[in-house]
């Protein structure tokens, strides 16, 4: 699996490269600024891009803006944002097109290599990997309008866990319910959000996008 990485801190960048390569990812480009990130993604068209939000020269939102431009040029490009900051406006724009895998992890919340590698694989496969703290911040400005207003409190909890990338089994464990109960809640969510028939994995992503973009 081919990866483009954008991280301005040398030691962290090298550490991520070594971690990815240990799990048999191919890092086709590793850059430290937004301009080089845009060029690398256009040249290599990777299977997934791992992007820090704040890159030189201004250390504002160069990384995320470069990712957004690449996503417009390469629809469906899986992007995993790895940052210390939650940029709500740009994160919502990244989520808004509804195509391709999306992840947003906070650096301080990544506690082991398996957690990180699982997130990379999930995003590359078209899924989501949202840090709970990112979900919480996005939800602070989220409206309660239809169709999400039709969801029960428990269904909202289930959908929030889906946004984190939890499987049915993990949702059941987190909420202390049976897998059957978790599956029923998810089925109800799909119905209430009027999601078209498709693979469950695709509908999960659509449900998450509806939730985070409301």
Protein backbone atom coordinates (compact mmCIF):
# COMPACT_ATOMS: atom_id res chain seq x y z
CA UNK A 1 0.00 0.00 0.00
CA UNK A 2 1.49 3.33 -1.12
CA UNK A 3 1.56 6.27 1.30
CA UNK A 4 2.36 9.97 1.04
CA UNK A 5 3.27 11.49 4.41
CA UNK A 6 3.38 15.16 5.39
CA UNK A 7 4.91 15.98 8.78
CA UNK A 8 7.26 18.89 9.48
CA UNK A 9 8.99 17.49 12.58
CA UNK A 10 11.97 15.45 11.40
CA UNK A 11 12.10 12.88 14.19
CA UNK A 12 8.35 12.29 14.13
CA UNK A 13 8.36 12.01 10.33
CA UNK A 14 11.16 9.45 10.42
CA UNK A 15 9.44 7.52 13.19
CA UNK A 16 6.19 7.32 11.21
CA UNK A 17 8.09 6.18 8.11
CA UNK A 18 9.79 3.39 10.05
CA UNK A 19 6.50 2.34 11.65
CA UNK A 20 4.71 2.22 8.30
CA UNK A 21 7.51 0.29 6.64
CA UNK A 22 7.56 -2.21 9.51
CA UNK A 23 3.95 -3.00 8.59
CA UNK A 24 4.82 -3.30 4.89
CA UNK A 25 3.50 0.05 3.70
CA UNK A 26 5.49 1.78 0.97
CA UNK A 27 6.16 5.43 1.78
CA UNK A 28 6.49 6.89 -1.73
CA UNK A 29 7.03 10.45 -0.47
CA UNK A 30 7.62 12.10 2.92
CA UNK A 31 7.51 15.91 2.91
CA UNK A 32 7.56 18.73 5.42
CA UNK A 33 5.46 21.47 3.77
CA UNK A 34 2.17 22.01 1.99
CA UNK A 35 3.63 22.84 -1.43
CA UNK A 36 5.63 19.63 -1.60
CA UNK A 37 2.64 17.68 -0.28
CA UNK A 38 0.45 18.85 -3.15
CA UNK A 39 3.15 17.99 -5.67
CA UNK A 40 3.78 14.56 -4.12
CA UNK A 41 0.11 13.60 -4.17
CA UNK A 42 -0.29 14.70 -7.78
CA UNK A 43 2.82 12.77 -8.82
CA UNK A 44 2.34 9.54 -6.85
CA UNK A 45 -1.46 9.29 -6.50
CA UNK A 46 -1.07 7.24 -3.29
CA UNK A 47 -3.45 4.73 -1.75
CA UNK A 48 -3.63 6.94 1.35
CA UNK A 49 -2.20 10.29 2.47
CA UNK A 50 -1.23 10.95 6.10
CA UNK A 51 -1.22 14.69 6.67
CA UNK A 52 -0.40 17.08 9.50
CA UNK A 53 -2.66 20.14 9.58
CA UNK A 54 -0.07 22.83 10.32
CA UNK A 55 2.92 22.88 7.99
CA UNK A 56 5.49 25.50 6.92
CA UNK A 57 5.69 28.28 6.02
CA UNK A 58 2.86 29.75 8.10
CA UNK A 59 2.04 26.76 10.31
CA UNK A 60 -1.69 27.42 10.00
CA UNK A 61 -3.65 25.00 7.81
CA UNK A 62 -1.33 24.33 4.85
CA UNK A 63 -1.50 20.56 5.24
CA UNK A 64 -5.26 20.34 5.39
CA UNK A 65 -5.71 22.80 2.53
CA UNK A 66 -3.28 20.79 0.38
CA UNK A 67 -5.24 17.64 1.23
CA UNK A 68 -8.48 19.34 0.21
CA UNK A 69 -7.00 20.41 -3.13
CA UNK A 70 -5.72 16.88 -3.75
CA UNK A 71 -9.13 15.45 -2.88
CA UNK A 72 -10.77 17.72 -5.45
CA UNK A 73 -8.26 16.64 -8.10
CA UNK A 74 -8.36 12.96 -7.09
CA UNK A 75 -11.92 12.26 -5.89
CA UNK A 76 -12.04 9.55 -3.27
CA UNK A 77 -8.39 9.92 -2.22
CA UNK A 78 -8.21 8.46 1.32
CA UNK A 79 -6.82 11.01 3.78
CA UNK A 80 -5.82 10.51 7.40
CA UNK A 81 -5.20 13.78 9.24
CA UNK A 82 -2.71 13.45 12.10
CA UNK A 83 -2.45 16.60 14.15
CA UNK A 84 -2.38 18.27 17.55
CA UNK A 85 -5.22 20.56 16.53
CA UNK A 86 -8.85 20.31 15.45
CA UNK A 87 -9.60 22.70 12.59
CA UNK A 88 -13.40 22.49 12.46
CA UNK A 89 -14.07 24.41 9.25
CA UNK A 90 -11.54 22.53 7.14
CA UNK A 91 -12.33 19.20 8.76
CA UNK A 92 -15.98 19.64 7.82
CA UNK A 93 -15.02 20.56 4.26
CA UNK A 94 -12.88 17.44 4.03
CA UNK A 95 -15.81 15.36 5.23
CA UNK A 96 -18.34 17.08 3.02
CA UNK A 97 -17.74 15.44 -0.35
CA UNK A 98 -18.79 12.02 0.93
CA UNK A 99 -16.26 10.01 -1.09
CA UNK A 100 -13.24 8.04 0.04
CA UNK A 101 -11.87 7.15 3.44
CA UNK A 102 -11.42 9.86 6.05
CA UNK A 103 -9.60 9.89 9.37
CA UNK A 104 -8.68 12.56 11.90
CA UNK A 105 -6.43 11.53 14.79
CA UNK A 106 -4.91 13.70 17.48
CA UNK A 107 -1.22 12.93 17.99
CA UNK A 108 -1.50 12.82 21.76
CA UNK A 109 -4.26 10.21 21.53
CA UNK A 110 -2.29 7.67 19.49
CA UNK A 111 -1.08 5.28 22.20
CA UNK A 112 0.36 2.33 20.27
CA UNK A 113 1.40 1.19 16.82
CA UNK A 114 -1.55 -1.15 16.29
CA UNK A 115 -4.06 1.67 16.90
CA UNK A 116 -2.34 3.87 14.33
CA UNK A 117 -1.85 1.15 11.72
CA UNK A 118 -5.46 0.04 12.11
CA UNK A 119 -6.59 3.62 11.44
CA UNK A 120 -4.40 3.88 8.32
CA UNK A 121 -5.73 0.61 6.94
CA UNK A 122 -9.33 1.52 7.72
CA UNK A 123 -9.07 4.88 5.96
CA UNK A 124 -7.23 3.38 2.98
CA UNK A 125 -10.06 0.85 2.63
CA UNK A 126 -12.62 3.67 2.43
CA UNK A 127 -13.69 3.73 6.08
CA UNK A 128 -13.45 6.28 8.87
CA UNK A 129 -11.13 6.69 11.84
CA UNK A 130 -12.18 9.67 13.91
CA UNK A 131 -10.59 10.51 17.26
CA UNK A 132 -13.32 10.77 19.95
CA UNK A 133 -12.04 14.24 20.89
CA UNK A 134 -12.36 15.37 17.26
CA UNK A 135 -15.90 14.02 17.08
CA UNK A 136 -16.76 15.84 20.31
CA UNK A 137 -15.45 19.17 19.00
CA UNK A 138 -17.21 18.82 15.67
CA UNK A 139 -20.40 18.05 17.54
CA UNK A 140 -20.27 21.27 19.56
CA UNK A 141 -21.42 23.23 16.50
CA UNK A 142 -23.54 20.46 15.00
CA UNK A 143 -27.21 21.24 14.44
CA UNK A 144 -30.09 19.09 15.60
CA UNK A 145 -32.03 19.42 12.36
CA UNK A 146 -33.60 16.56 10.43
CA UNK A 147 -32.83 13.82 9.67
CA UNK A 148 -30.56 13.41 12.70
CA UNK A 149 -33.29 14.75 14.96
CA UNK A 150 -35.16 11.51 14.31
CA UNK A 151 -32.45 9.47 16.05
CA UNK A 152 -32.85 8.39 19.64
CA UNK A 153 -30.20 9.15 22.24
CA UNK A 154 -28.89 5.60 22.05
CA UNK A 155 -28.76 5.74 18.25
CA UNK A 156 -26.71 8.93 18.49
CA UNK A 157 -24.29 7.14 20.81
CA UNK A 158 -24.00 4.29 18.33
CA UNK A 159 -23.44 6.71 15.45
CA UNK A 160 -20.74 8.55 17.39
CA UNK A 161 -18.93 5.23 17.94
CA UNK A 162 -19.32 4.47 14.23
CA UNK A 163 -17.60 7.80 13.56
CA UNK A 164 -14.68 6.60 15.65
CA UNK A 165 -14.48 3.58 13.36
CA UNK A 166 -15.82 1.03 15.86
CA UNK A 167 -17.08 -2.31 14.56
CA UNK A 168 -20.41 -3.78 15.68
CA UNK A 169 -18.55 -5.87 18.23
CA UNK A 170 -16.67 -2.88 19.62
CA UNK A 171 -19.88 -0.83 19.79
CA UNK A 172 -21.60 -3.61 21.71
CA UNK A 173 -18.71 -3.80 24.16
CA UNK A 174 -18.52 -0.03 24.67
CA UNK A 175 -22.25 0.27 25.30
CA UNK A 176 -22.54 -3.03 27.20
CA UNK A 177 -25.21 -4.42 24.87
CA UNK A 178 -25.40 -7.50 22.67
CA UNK A 179 -24.07 -7.45 19.11
CA UNK A 180 -27.62 -8.07 17.95
CA UNK A 181 -28.80 -4.94 19.75
CA UNK A 182 -25.94 -2.91 18.24
CA UNK A 183 -26.80 -4.23 14.75
CA UNK A 184 -30.45 -3.28 15.25
CA UNK A 185 -29.53 0.26 16.28
CA UNK A 186 -27.32 0.56 13.19
CA UNK A 187 -30.10 -0.73 10.95
CA UNK A 188 -32.46 1.86 12.45
CA UNK A 189 -29.89 4.59 11.83
CA UNK A 190 -29.59 3.61 8.16
CA UNK A 191 -33.36 3.66 7.81
CA UNK A 192 -33.85 7.03 9.55
CA UNK A 193 -31.05 8.65 7.56
CA UNK A 194 -32.66 7.29 4.38
CA UNK A 195 -29.40 5.81 3.14
CA UNK A 196 -29.67 3.91 -0.15
CA UNK A 197 -29.09 0.14 -0.23
CA UNK A 198 -25.39 -0.67 -0.62
CA UNK A 199 -22.68 -2.53 1.23
CA UNK A 200 -22.88 -2.05 4.98
CA UNK A 201 -19.36 -0.58 5.04
CA UNK A 202 -20.34 2.11 2.52
CA UNK A 203 -23.53 2.93 4.39
CA UNK A 204 -21.57 3.24 7.64
CA UNK A 205 -19.37 5.88 6.02
CA UNK A 206 -22.39 7.73 4.61
CA UNK A 207 -24.03 7.68 8.05
CA UNK A 208 -20.91 9.07 9.69
CA UNK A 209 -20.61 11.83 7.09
CA UNK A 210 -24.25 12.78 7.59
CA UNK A 211 -23.65 12.89 11.33
CA UNK A 212 -20.49 15.00 11.25
CA UNK A 213 -21.73 17.37 8.56
CA UNK A 214 -25.11 18.10 10.11
